[in-house]
Amino acid sequence: LGPSGEARALGAEAPLAAEMGRALLYPNPIHDTNLTVRFYAPAAGEARFHLYNLEGQEISQARFPTTAGAVNEHQMDVSGLVSGMYLARLIYPGTHGQETRTLTLAVER
């Protein structure tokens, strides 16, 4: 609400408070070939995404640009993954250096 009590729109670019500091992989579990990586980046730069099997072997990696102060979404083709659990590490520019998030991904084929 604004100072006089009226409702005020924040705009389409304003991230939800719940999305700040959070990263998502969806759909999860994934059945098809396109995975979406979604995260809020406080600073502009480059994000790095690494996908590992449970033995710690890197299976895939990607780099994509980030927009500062916005929710960033990027698509990845994961058609080569077999059924199983995977660990993902997302590294992106933060307010004071790099932010790192570790996520899990379930693949069901």
N, C-alpha and C. Protein backbone atom coordinates (compact mmCIF):
# COMPACT_ATOMS: atom_id res chain seq x y z
N LEU A 1 0.83 -1.19 0.00
CA LEU A 1 0.00 0.00 0.00
C LEU A 1 0.87 1.24 0.00
N GLY A 2 0.36 2.26 -0.66
CA GLY A 2 1.05 3.54 -0.68
C GLY A 2 0.84 4.30 0.62
N PRO A 3 1.46 5.48 0.77
CA PRO A 3 1.36 6.25 2.01
C PRO A 3 -0.07 6.62 2.39
N SER A 4 -0.93 6.82 1.40
CA SER A 4 -2.31 7.20 1.71
C SER A 4 -3.23 5.99 1.78
N GLY A 5 -2.68 4.78 1.71
CA GLY A 5 -3.48 3.57 1.85
C GLY A 5 -3.96 2.97 0.55
N GLU A 6 -3.66 3.60 -0.58
CA GLU A 6 -4.10 3.06 -1.86
C GLU A 6 -3.17 1.94 -2.31
N ALA A 7 -3.73 0.98 -3.05
CA ALA A 7 -2.93 -0.12 -3.58
C ALA A 7 -2.00 0.43 -4.65
N ARG A 8 -0.78 -0.11 -4.71
CA ARG A 8 0.20 0.36 -5.67
C ARG A 8 0.87 -0.84 -6.31
N ALA A 9 0.91 -0.87 -7.65
CA ALA A 9 1.55 -1.97 -8.37
C ALA A 9 3.06 -1.79 -8.34
N LEU A 10 3.77 -2.88 -8.17
CA LEU A 10 5.23 -2.83 -8.17
C LEU A 10 5.82 -3.04 -9.55
N GLY A 11 5.02 -3.54 -10.49
CA GLY A 11 5.50 -3.77 -11.84
C GLY A 11 5.86 -5.22 -12.07
N ALA A 12 5.88 -5.61 -13.33
CA ALA A 12 6.13 -7.00 -13.70
C ALA A 12 7.55 -7.44 -13.37
N GLU A 13 8.49 -6.49 -13.33
CA GLU A 13 9.89 -6.85 -13.09
C GLU A 13 10.20 -7.08 -11.61
N ALA A 14 9.33 -6.63 -10.71
CA ALA A 14 9.61 -6.76 -9.28
C ALA A 14 9.54 -8.23 -8.87
N PRO A 15 10.61 -8.76 -8.30
CA PRO A 15 10.58 -10.17 -7.89
C PRO A 15 9.74 -10.34 -6.63
N LEU A 16 9.11 -11.49 -6.52
CA LEU A 16 8.42 -11.82 -5.28
C LEU A 16 9.46 -11.98 -4.19
N ALA A 17 9.11 -11.59 -2.99
CA ALA A 17 10.06 -11.72 -1.87
C ALA A 17 10.51 -13.16 -1.71
N ALA A 18 9.61 -14.10 -2.00
CA ALA A 18 9.94 -15.52 -1.86
C ALA A 18 10.99 -15.96 -2.87
N GLU A 19 11.13 -15.24 -4.00
CA GLU A 19 12.08 -15.65 -5.03
C GLU A 19 13.48 -15.10 -4.80
N MET A 20 13.60 -14.08 -4.01
CA MET A 20 14.92 -13.50 -3.77
C MET A 20 15.75 -14.47 -2.94
N GLY A 21 16.96 -14.74 -3.40
CA GLY A 21 17.83 -15.68 -2.69
C GLY A 21 17.48 -17.13 -2.93
N ARG A 22 16.65 -17.39 -3.92
CA ARG A 22 16.18 -18.75 -4.18
C ARG A 22 16.45 -19.12 -5.63
N ALA A 23 16.67 -20.37 -5.87
CA ALA A 23 16.85 -20.87 -7.24
C ALA A 23 15.95 -22.08 -7.40
N LEU A 24 15.40 -22.25 -8.60
CA LEU A 24 14.49 -23.36 -8.88
C LEU A 24 14.88 -24.06 -10.17
N LEU A 25 14.66 -25.35 -10.21
CA LEU A 25 14.74 -26.14 -11.44
C LEU A 25 13.35 -26.70 -11.67
N TYR A 26 12.80 -26.48 -12.85
CA TYR A 26 11.48 -27.06 -13.12
C TYR A 26 11.33 -27.37 -14.59
N PRO A 27 10.49 -28.35 -14.93
CA PRO A 27 9.75 -29.19 -13.99
C PRO A 27 10.71 -30.12 -13.24
N ASN A 28 10.32 -30.49 -12.06
CA ASN A 28 11.15 -31.37 -11.23
C ASN A 28 10.23 -32.24 -10.38
N PRO A 29 10.09 -33.52 -10.67
CA PRO A 29 10.89 -34.30 -11.61
C PRO A 29 10.58 -33.94 -13.07
N ILE A 30 11.56 -34.17 -13.91
CA ILE A 30 11.41 -33.85 -15.32
C ILE A 30 11.19 -35.13 -16.12
N HIS A 31 10.25 -35.04 -17.07
CA HIS A 31 9.94 -36.17 -17.95
C HIS A 31 10.31 -35.86 -19.40
N ASP A 32 10.35 -34.57 -19.74
CA ASP A 32 10.62 -34.19 -21.12
C ASP A 32 12.07 -33.73 -21.29
N THR A 33 12.32 -32.89 -22.28
CA THR A 33 13.70 -32.54 -22.59
C THR A 33 14.12 -31.14 -22.17
N ASN A 34 13.17 -30.26 -21.86
CA ASN A 34 13.52 -28.88 -21.54
C ASN A 34 13.43 -28.59 -20.05
N LEU A 35 14.55 -28.23 -19.47
CA LEU A 35 14.63 -27.87 -18.06
C LEU A 35 14.76 -26.35 -17.97
N THR A 36 14.02 -25.74 -17.05
CA THR A 36 14.12 -24.31 -16.82
C THR A 36 14.89 -24.07 -15.52
N VAL A 37 15.89 -23.20 -15.60
CA VAL A 37 16.66 -22.76 -14.44
C VAL A 37 16.18 -21.35 -14.13
N ARG A 38 15.66 -21.14 -12.92
CA ARG A 38 15.10 -19.83 -12.54
C ARG A 38 15.75 -19.37 -11.24
N PHE A 39 16.22 -18.12 -11.23
CA PHE A 39 16.86 -17.58 -10.03
C PHE A 39 16.84 -16.06 -10.08
N TYR A 40 16.92 -15.45 -8.92
CA TYR A 40 17.01 -13.99 -8.79
C TYR A 40 18.49 -13.62 -8.68
N ALA A 41 18.92 -12.71 -9.55
CA ALA A 41 20.31 -12.26 -9.53
C ALA A 41 20.36 -10.79 -9.11
N PRO A 42 21.00 -10.49 -7.99
CA PRO A 42 21.10 -9.10 -7.57
C PRO A 42 22.06 -8.27 -8.43
N ALA A 43 22.95 -8.92 -9.16
CA ALA A 43 23.94 -8.20 -9.98
C ALA A 43 24.00 -8.79 -11.38
N ALA A 44 24.42 -7.98 -12.33
CA ALA A 44 24.58 -8.44 -13.71
C ALA A 44 25.90 -9.18 -13.85
N GLY A 45 25.96 -10.04 -14.84
CA GLY A 45 27.19 -10.79 -15.10
C GLY A 45 26.87 -12.09 -15.81
N GLU A 46 27.58 -13.13 -15.42
CA GLU A 46 27.40 -14.44 -16.04
C GLU A 46 27.13 -15.49 -14.97
N ALA A 47 26.12 -16.32 -15.23
CA ALA A 47 25.82 -17.45 -14.34
C ALA A 47 26.44 -18.70 -14.94
N ARG A 48 26.88 -19.59 -14.06
CA ARG A 48 27.41 -20.89 -14.48
C ARG A 48 26.56 -21.98 -13.84
N PHE A 49 26.17 -22.95 -14.65
CA PHE A 49 25.33 -24.05 -14.19
C PHE A 49 26.07 -25.36 -14.47
N HIS A 50 26.25 -26.17 -13.44
CA HIS A 50 26.93 -27.46 -13.57
C HIS A 50 25.99 -28.55 -13.07
N LEU A 51 25.92 -29.64 -13.81
CA LEU A 51 25.07 -30.77 -13.44
C LEU A 51 25.95 -32.00 -13.23
N TYR A 52 25.75 -32.67 -12.09
CA TYR A 52 26.57 -33.82 -11.70
C TYR A 52 25.69 -35.04 -11.44
N ASN A 53 26.22 -36.23 -11.76
CA ASN A 53 25.54 -37.44 -11.32
C ASN A 53 25.91 -37.68 -9.86
N LEU A 54 25.31 -38.69 -9.24
CA LEU A 54 25.55 -38.91 -7.82
C LEU A 54 26.93 -39.48 -7.51
N GLU A 55 27.70 -39.80 -8.54
CA GLU A 55 29.09 -40.22 -8.35
C GLU A 55 30.03 -39.02 -8.39
N GLY A 56 29.48 -37.83 -8.61
CA GLY A 56 30.28 -36.62 -8.63
C GLY A 56 30.86 -36.26 -9.98
N GLN A 57 30.49 -37.00 -11.03
CA GLN A 57 30.99 -36.69 -12.37
C GLN A 57 30.15 -35.58 -12.99
N GLU A 58 30.83 -34.59 -13.57
CA GLU A 58 30.10 -33.52 -14.24
C GLU A 58 29.50 -34.06 -15.54
N ILE A 59 28.20 -33.90 -15.67
CA ILE A 59 27.46 -34.41 -16.83
C ILE A 59 27.24 -33.32 -17.87
N SER A 60 27.01 -32.11 -17.39
CA SER A 60 26.67 -31.01 -18.28
C SER A 60 27.04 -29.69 -17.62
N GLN A 61 27.27 -28.68 -18.46
CA GLN A 61 27.49 -27.34 -17.93
C GLN A 61 26.97 -26.33 -18.93
N ALA A 62 26.62 -25.16 -18.43
CA ALA A 62 26.12 -24.08 -19.28
C ALA A 62 26.49 -22.75 -18.64
N ARG A 63 26.55 -21.73 -19.47
CA ARG A 63 26.78 -20.36 -19.01
C ARG A 63 25.71 -19.49 -19.65
N PHE A 64 25.20 -18.55 -18.87
CA PHE A 64 24.22 -17.62 -19.42
C PHE A 64 24.32 -16.27 -18.73
N PRO A 65 23.95 -15.20 -19.45
CA PRO A 65 24.02 -13.85 -18.87
C PRO A 65 22.94 -13.65 -17.82
N THR A 66 23.21 -12.77 -16.85
CA THR A 66 22.21 -12.44 -15.84
C THR A 66 21.84 -10.97 -15.94
N THR A 67 20.59 -10.69 -15.63
CA THR A 67 20.09 -9.33 -15.55
C THR A 67 20.03 -8.94 -14.09
N ALA A 68 20.61 -7.81 -13.74
CA ALA A 68 20.68 -7.37 -12.34
C ALA A 68 19.31 -7.02 -11.79
N GLY A 69 19.05 -7.43 -10.55
CA GLY A 69 17.82 -7.08 -9.86
C GLY A 69 16.59 -7.68 -10.47
N ALA A 70 16.73 -8.84 -11.10
CA ALA A 70 15.60 -9.46 -11.80
C ALA A 70 15.63 -10.97 -11.63
N VAL A 71 14.46 -11.57 -11.85
CA VAL A 71 14.38 -13.02 -11.92
C VAL A 71 14.85 -13.42 -13.31
N ASN A 72 15.82 -14.29 -13.37
CA ASN A 72 16.39 -14.77 -14.62
C ASN A 72 15.90 -16.19 -14.87
N GLU A 73 15.54 -16.48 -16.12
CA GLU A 73 15.12 -17.83 -16.50
C GLU A 73 15.88 -18.25 -17.75
N HIS A 74 16.36 -19.48 -17.74
CA HIS A 74 17.08 -20.01 -18.88
C HIS A 74 16.65 -21.45 -19.11
N GLN A 75 16.53 -21.83 -20.37
CA GLN A 75 16.15 -23.19 -20.76
C GLN A 75 17.39 -24.00 -21.07
N MET A 76 17.34 -25.28 -20.71
CA MET A 76 18.42 -26.21 -21.03
C MET A 76 17.83 -27.48 -21.61
N ASP A 77 18.52 -28.03 -22.59
CA ASP A 77 18.13 -29.32 -23.17
C ASP A 77 18.78 -30.43 -22.34
N VAL A 78 17.96 -31.25 -21.72
CA VAL A 78 18.47 -32.36 -20.91
C VAL A 78 18.02 -33.71 -21.48
N SER A 79 17.84 -33.75 -22.80
CA SER A 79 17.35 -34.98 -23.44
C SER A 79 18.33 -36.14 -23.29
N GLY A 80 19.60 -35.86 -23.07
CA GLY A 80 20.60 -36.92 -22.94
C GLY A 80 20.68 -37.55 -21.56
N LEU A 81 19.93 -37.05 -20.60
CA LEU A 81 19.99 -37.60 -19.24
C LEU A 81 19.12 -38.85 -19.12
N VAL A 82 19.64 -39.84 -18.42
CA VAL A 82 18.87 -41.05 -18.13
C VAL A 82 18.15 -40.86 -16.80
N SER A 83 17.20 -41.73 -16.51
CA SER A 83 16.46 -41.65 -15.25
C SER A 83 17.41 -41.71 -14.07
N GLY A 84 17.14 -40.90 -13.06
CA GLY A 84 17.96 -40.90 -11.86
C GLY A 84 17.96 -39.55 -11.18
N MET A 85 18.78 -39.45 -10.15
CA MET A 85 18.93 -38.21 -9.39
C MET A 85 20.23 -37.53 -9.79
N TYR A 86 20.19 -36.21 -9.83
CA TYR A 86 21.35 -35.41 -10.20
C TYR A 86 21.48 -34.25 -9.22
N LEU A 87 22.69 -33.74 -9.08
CA LEU A 87 22.95 -32.54 -8.30
C LEU A 87 23.34 -31.42 -9.25
N ALA A 88 22.82 -30.24 -8.99
CA ALA A 88 23.13 -29.08 -9.82
C ALA A 88 23.76 -28.01 -8.94
N ARG A 89 24.73 -27.32 -9.50
CA ARG A 89 25.34 -26.18 -8.81
C ARG A 89 25.18 -24.97 -9.71
N LEU A 90 24.57 -23.94 -9.17
CA LEU A 90 24.35 -22.69 -9.88
C LEU A 90 25.18 -21.60 -9.20
N ILE A 91 26.03 -20.95 -9.96
CA ILE A 91 26.90 -19.89 -9.45
C ILE A 91 26.57 -18.63 -10.25
N TYR A 92 26.23 -17.55 -9.55
CA TYR A 92 25.83 -16.33 -10.24
C TYR A 92 26.26 -15.11 -9.44
N PRO A 93 26.31 -13.92 -10.09
CA PRO A 93 26.77 -12.71 -9.41
C PRO A 93 25.81 -12.30 -8.30
N GLY A 94 26.37 -12.04 -7.13
CA GLY A 94 25.57 -11.60 -6.00
C GLY A 94 25.91 -10.17 -5.62
N THR A 95 25.36 -9.73 -4.53
CA THR A 95 25.60 -8.37 -4.06
C THR A 95 27.05 -8.19 -3.63
N HIS A 96 27.61 -9.19 -2.96
CA HIS A 96 28.99 -9.12 -2.46
C HIS A 96 29.78 -10.32 -2.96
N GLY A 97 29.96 -10.44 -4.26
CA GLY A 97 30.69 -11.58 -4.82
C GLY A 97 29.74 -12.59 -5.44
N GLN A 98 30.16 -13.83 -5.47
CA GLN A 98 29.40 -14.89 -6.12
C GLN A 98 28.42 -15.54 -5.14
N GLU A 99 27.23 -15.87 -5.64
CA GLU A 99 26.25 -16.66 -4.90
C GLU A 99 26.31 -18.08 -5.46
N THR A 100 26.17 -19.08 -4.61
CA THR A 100 26.18 -20.47 -5.04
C THR A 100 24.97 -21.18 -4.46
N ARG A 101 24.24 -21.88 -5.30
CA ARG A 101 23.10 -22.68 -4.86
C ARG A 101 23.31 -24.10 -5.34
N THR A 102 23.03 -25.07 -4.48
CA THR A 102 23.07 -26.48 -4.84
C THR A 102 21.65 -27.00 -4.83
N LEU A 103 21.26 -27.65 -5.93
CA LEU A 103 19.89 -28.12 -6.11
C LEU A 103 19.89 -29.58 -6.52
N THR A 104 18.77 -30.25 -6.35
CA THR A 104 18.63 -31.63 -6.82
C THR A 104 17.66 -31.65 -7.99
N LEU A 105 17.88 -32.60 -8.88
CA LEU A 105 17.02 -32.79 -10.04
C LEU A 105 16.71 -34.28 -10.18
N ALA A 106 15.45 -34.60 -10.31
CA ALA A 106 15.03 -35.98 -10.56
C ALA A 106 14.60 -36.10 -12.01
N VAL A 107 15.14 -37.10 -12.71
CA VAL A 107 14.79 -37.36 -14.10
C VAL A 107 14.04 -38.68 -14.15
N GLU A 108 12.85 -38.66 -14.75
CA GLU A 108 12.04 -39.87 -14.92
C GLU A 108 11.75 -40.02 -16.40
N ARG A 109 12.28 -41.06 -16.99
CA ARG A 109 12.06 -41.31 -18.43
C ARG A 109 11.14 -42.48 -18.63
